[in-house]
């Protein structure tokens, strides 16, 4: 499955809005925020062969966090400047 920004993904604990997507080979990394009006939890999730999983490796997690920041660099500069 192809994931895109603004997609809604349903889990047992609620719906999440995709804020950003990184794709590396066959792996998707999704930056999600709870789509509920009253909750504001966020998550970064790894998707391999349409299976959702946590990122267990610290090096991999740090790499993905940095990539998400690079993707958002222009928006961050608009806010800071």
C-alpha atoms as a PDB file:
ATOM      1  CA  UNK A   1       0.000   0.000   0.000  1.00  0.00           C
ATOM      2  CA  UNK A   2       1.161   3.537  -0.719  1.00  0.00           C
ATOM      3  CA  UNK A   3       0.934   6.026   2.155  1.00  0.00           C
ATOM      4  CA  UNK A   4       0.571   9.774   1.634  1.00  0.00           C
ATOM      5  CA  UNK A   5       0.348  12.913   3.739  1.00  0.00           C
ATOM      6  CA  UNK A   6      -3.204  13.535   5.030  1.00  0.00           C
ATOM      7  CA  UNK A   7      -4.190   9.855   4.841  1.00  0.00           C
ATOM      8  CA  UNK A   8      -6.207   8.606   7.804  1.00  0.00           C
ATOM      9  CA  UNK A   9      -5.131   5.304   9.345  1.00  0.00           C
ATOM     10  CA  UNK A  10      -7.461   3.485  11.732  1.00  0.00           C
ATOM     11  CA  UNK A  11      -6.095   1.536  14.696  1.00  0.00           C
ATOM     12  CA  UNK A  12      -8.007  -0.086  17.549  1.00  0.00           C
ATOM     13  CA  UNK A  13      -7.293   2.923  19.783  1.00  0.00           C
ATOM     14  CA  UNK A  14      -8.357   5.561  17.245  1.00  0.00           C
ATOM     15  CA  UNK A  15      -7.667   7.254  13.945  1.00  0.00           C
ATOM     16  CA  UNK A  16      -4.376   8.871  13.057  1.00  0.00           C
ATOM     17  CA  UNK A  17      -3.589  11.509  10.441  1.00  0.00           C
ATOM     18  CA  UNK A  18      -0.385  11.069   8.428  1.00  0.00           C
ATOM     19  CA  UNK A  19       1.680  14.249   8.762  1.00  0.00           C
ATOM     20  CA  UNK A  20       4.746  13.071   6.841  1.00  0.00           C
ATOM     21  CA  UNK A  21       5.965   9.996   4.983  1.00  0.00           C
ATOM     22  CA  UNK A  22       9.475   8.718   4.359  1.00  0.00           C
ATOM     23  CA  UNK A  23      10.094   5.785   2.049  1.00  0.00           C
ATOM     24  CA  UNK A  24      13.304   3.784   2.047  1.00  0.00           C
ATOM     25  CA  UNK A  25      13.362   0.736  -0.218  1.00  0.00           C
ATOM     26  CA  UNK A  26      10.182  -1.176   0.717  1.00  0.00           C
ATOM     27  CA  UNK A  27       9.865   0.425   4.143  1.00  0.00           C
ATOM     28  CA  UNK A  28       7.584   3.359   4.938  1.00  0.00           C
ATOM     29  CA  UNK A  29       8.055   5.543   8.011  1.00  0.00           C
ATOM     30  CA  UNK A  30       4.956   7.488   9.009  1.00  0.00           C
ATOM     31  CA  UNK A  31       4.779  10.502  11.291  1.00  0.00           C
ATOM     32  CA  UNK A  32       1.275  10.338  12.749  1.00  0.00           C
ATOM     33  CA  UNK A  33      -0.917  12.479  14.981  1.00  0.00           C
ATOM     34  CA  UNK A  34      -4.137  11.392  16.632  1.00  0.00           C
ATOM     35  CA  UNK A  35      -7.041  12.596  14.509  1.00  0.00           C
ATOM     36  CA  UNK A  36      -9.292  13.120  17.525  1.00  0.00           C
ATOM     37  CA  UNK A  37     -10.249  16.665  18.456  1.00  0.00           C
ATOM     38  CA  UNK A  38      -9.444  16.010  22.128  1.00  0.00           C
ATOM     39  CA  UNK A  39      -6.206  14.024  21.935  1.00  0.00           C
ATOM     40  CA  UNK A  40      -2.852  15.197  20.700  1.00  0.00           C
ATOM     41  CA  UNK A  41      -0.562  12.173  20.816  1.00  0.00           C
ATOM     42  CA  UNK A  42       1.916  11.614  18.019  1.00  0.00           C
ATOM     43  CA  UNK A  43       3.780   8.572  16.798  1.00  0.00           C
ATOM     44  CA  UNK A  44       6.401   7.496  14.317  1.00  0.00           C
ATOM     45  CA  UNK A  45       5.692   4.074  12.948  1.00  0.00           C
ATOM     46  CA  UNK A  46       7.460   1.738  10.561  1.00  0.00           C
ATOM     47  CA  UNK A  47       5.500  -0.122   7.878  1.00  0.00           C
ATOM     48  CA  UNK A  48       7.034  -3.213   6.265  1.00  0.00           C
ATOM     49  CA  UNK A  49       4.918  -5.250   3.851  1.00  0.00           C
ATOM     50  CA  UNK A  50       1.780  -3.504   5.181  1.00  0.00           C
ATOM     51  CA  UNK A  51       2.620  -4.550   8.762  1.00  0.00           C
ATOM     52  CA  UNK A  52       2.830  -1.734  11.313  1.00  0.00           C
ATOM     53  CA  UNK A  53       5.681  -1.973  13.808  1.00  0.00           C
ATOM     54  CA  UNK A  54       7.661   0.091  16.260  1.00  0.00           C
ATOM     55  CA  UNK A  55      11.183   1.248  15.491  1.00  0.00           C
ATOM     56  CA  UNK A  56      13.248  -0.731  17.994  1.00  0.00           C
ATOM     57  CA  UNK A  57      16.742   0.331  16.931  1.00  0.00           C
ATOM     58  CA  UNK A  58      17.938   3.668  18.370  1.00  0.00           C
ATOM     59  CA  UNK A  59      20.201   4.415  15.384  1.00  0.00           C
ATOM     60  CA  UNK A  60      17.354   3.843  12.956  1.00  0.00           C
ATOM     61  CA  UNK A  61      15.010   6.006  15.050  1.00  0.00           C
ATOM     62  CA  UNK A  62      17.499   8.905  15.242  1.00  0.00           C
ATOM     63  CA  UNK A  63      18.099   8.684  11.493  1.00  0.00           C
ATOM     64  CA  UNK A  64      14.355   8.835  10.762  1.00  0.00           C
ATOM     65  CA  UNK A  65      13.781  11.730  13.194  1.00  0.00           C
ATOM     66  CA  UNK A  66      16.525  13.711  11.445  1.00  0.00           C
ATOM     67  CA  UNK A  67      15.017  12.960   8.036  1.00  0.00           C
ATOM     68  CA  UNK A  68      11.605  14.207   9.207  1.00  0.00           C
ATOM     69  CA  UNK A  69      13.242  17.431  10.460  1.00  0.00           C
ATOM     70  CA  UNK A  70      15.000  17.906   7.128  1.00  0.00           C
ATOM     71  CA  UNK A  71      11.656  17.472   5.331  1.00  0.00           C
ATOM     72  CA  UNK A  72      10.118  20.137   7.562  1.00  0.00           C
ATOM     73  CA  UNK A  73      13.103  22.517   7.390  1.00  0.00           C
ATOM     74  CA  UNK A  74      11.352  25.211   5.324  1.00  0.00           C
ATOM     75  CA  UNK A  75       8.292  25.235   7.585  1.00  0.00           C
ATOM     76  CA  UNK A  76      10.481  25.389  10.703  1.00  0.00           C
ATOM     77  CA  UNK A  77      12.440  28.324   9.266  1.00  0.00           C
ATOM     78  CA  UNK A  78       9.190  30.191   8.543  1.00  0.00           C
ATOM     79  CA  UNK A  79       8.135  29.803  12.169  1.00  0.00           C
ATOM     80  CA  UNK A  80      11.526  30.717  13.659  1.00  0.00           C
ATOM     81  CA  UNK A  81      12.440  33.578  11.303  1.00  0.00           C
END
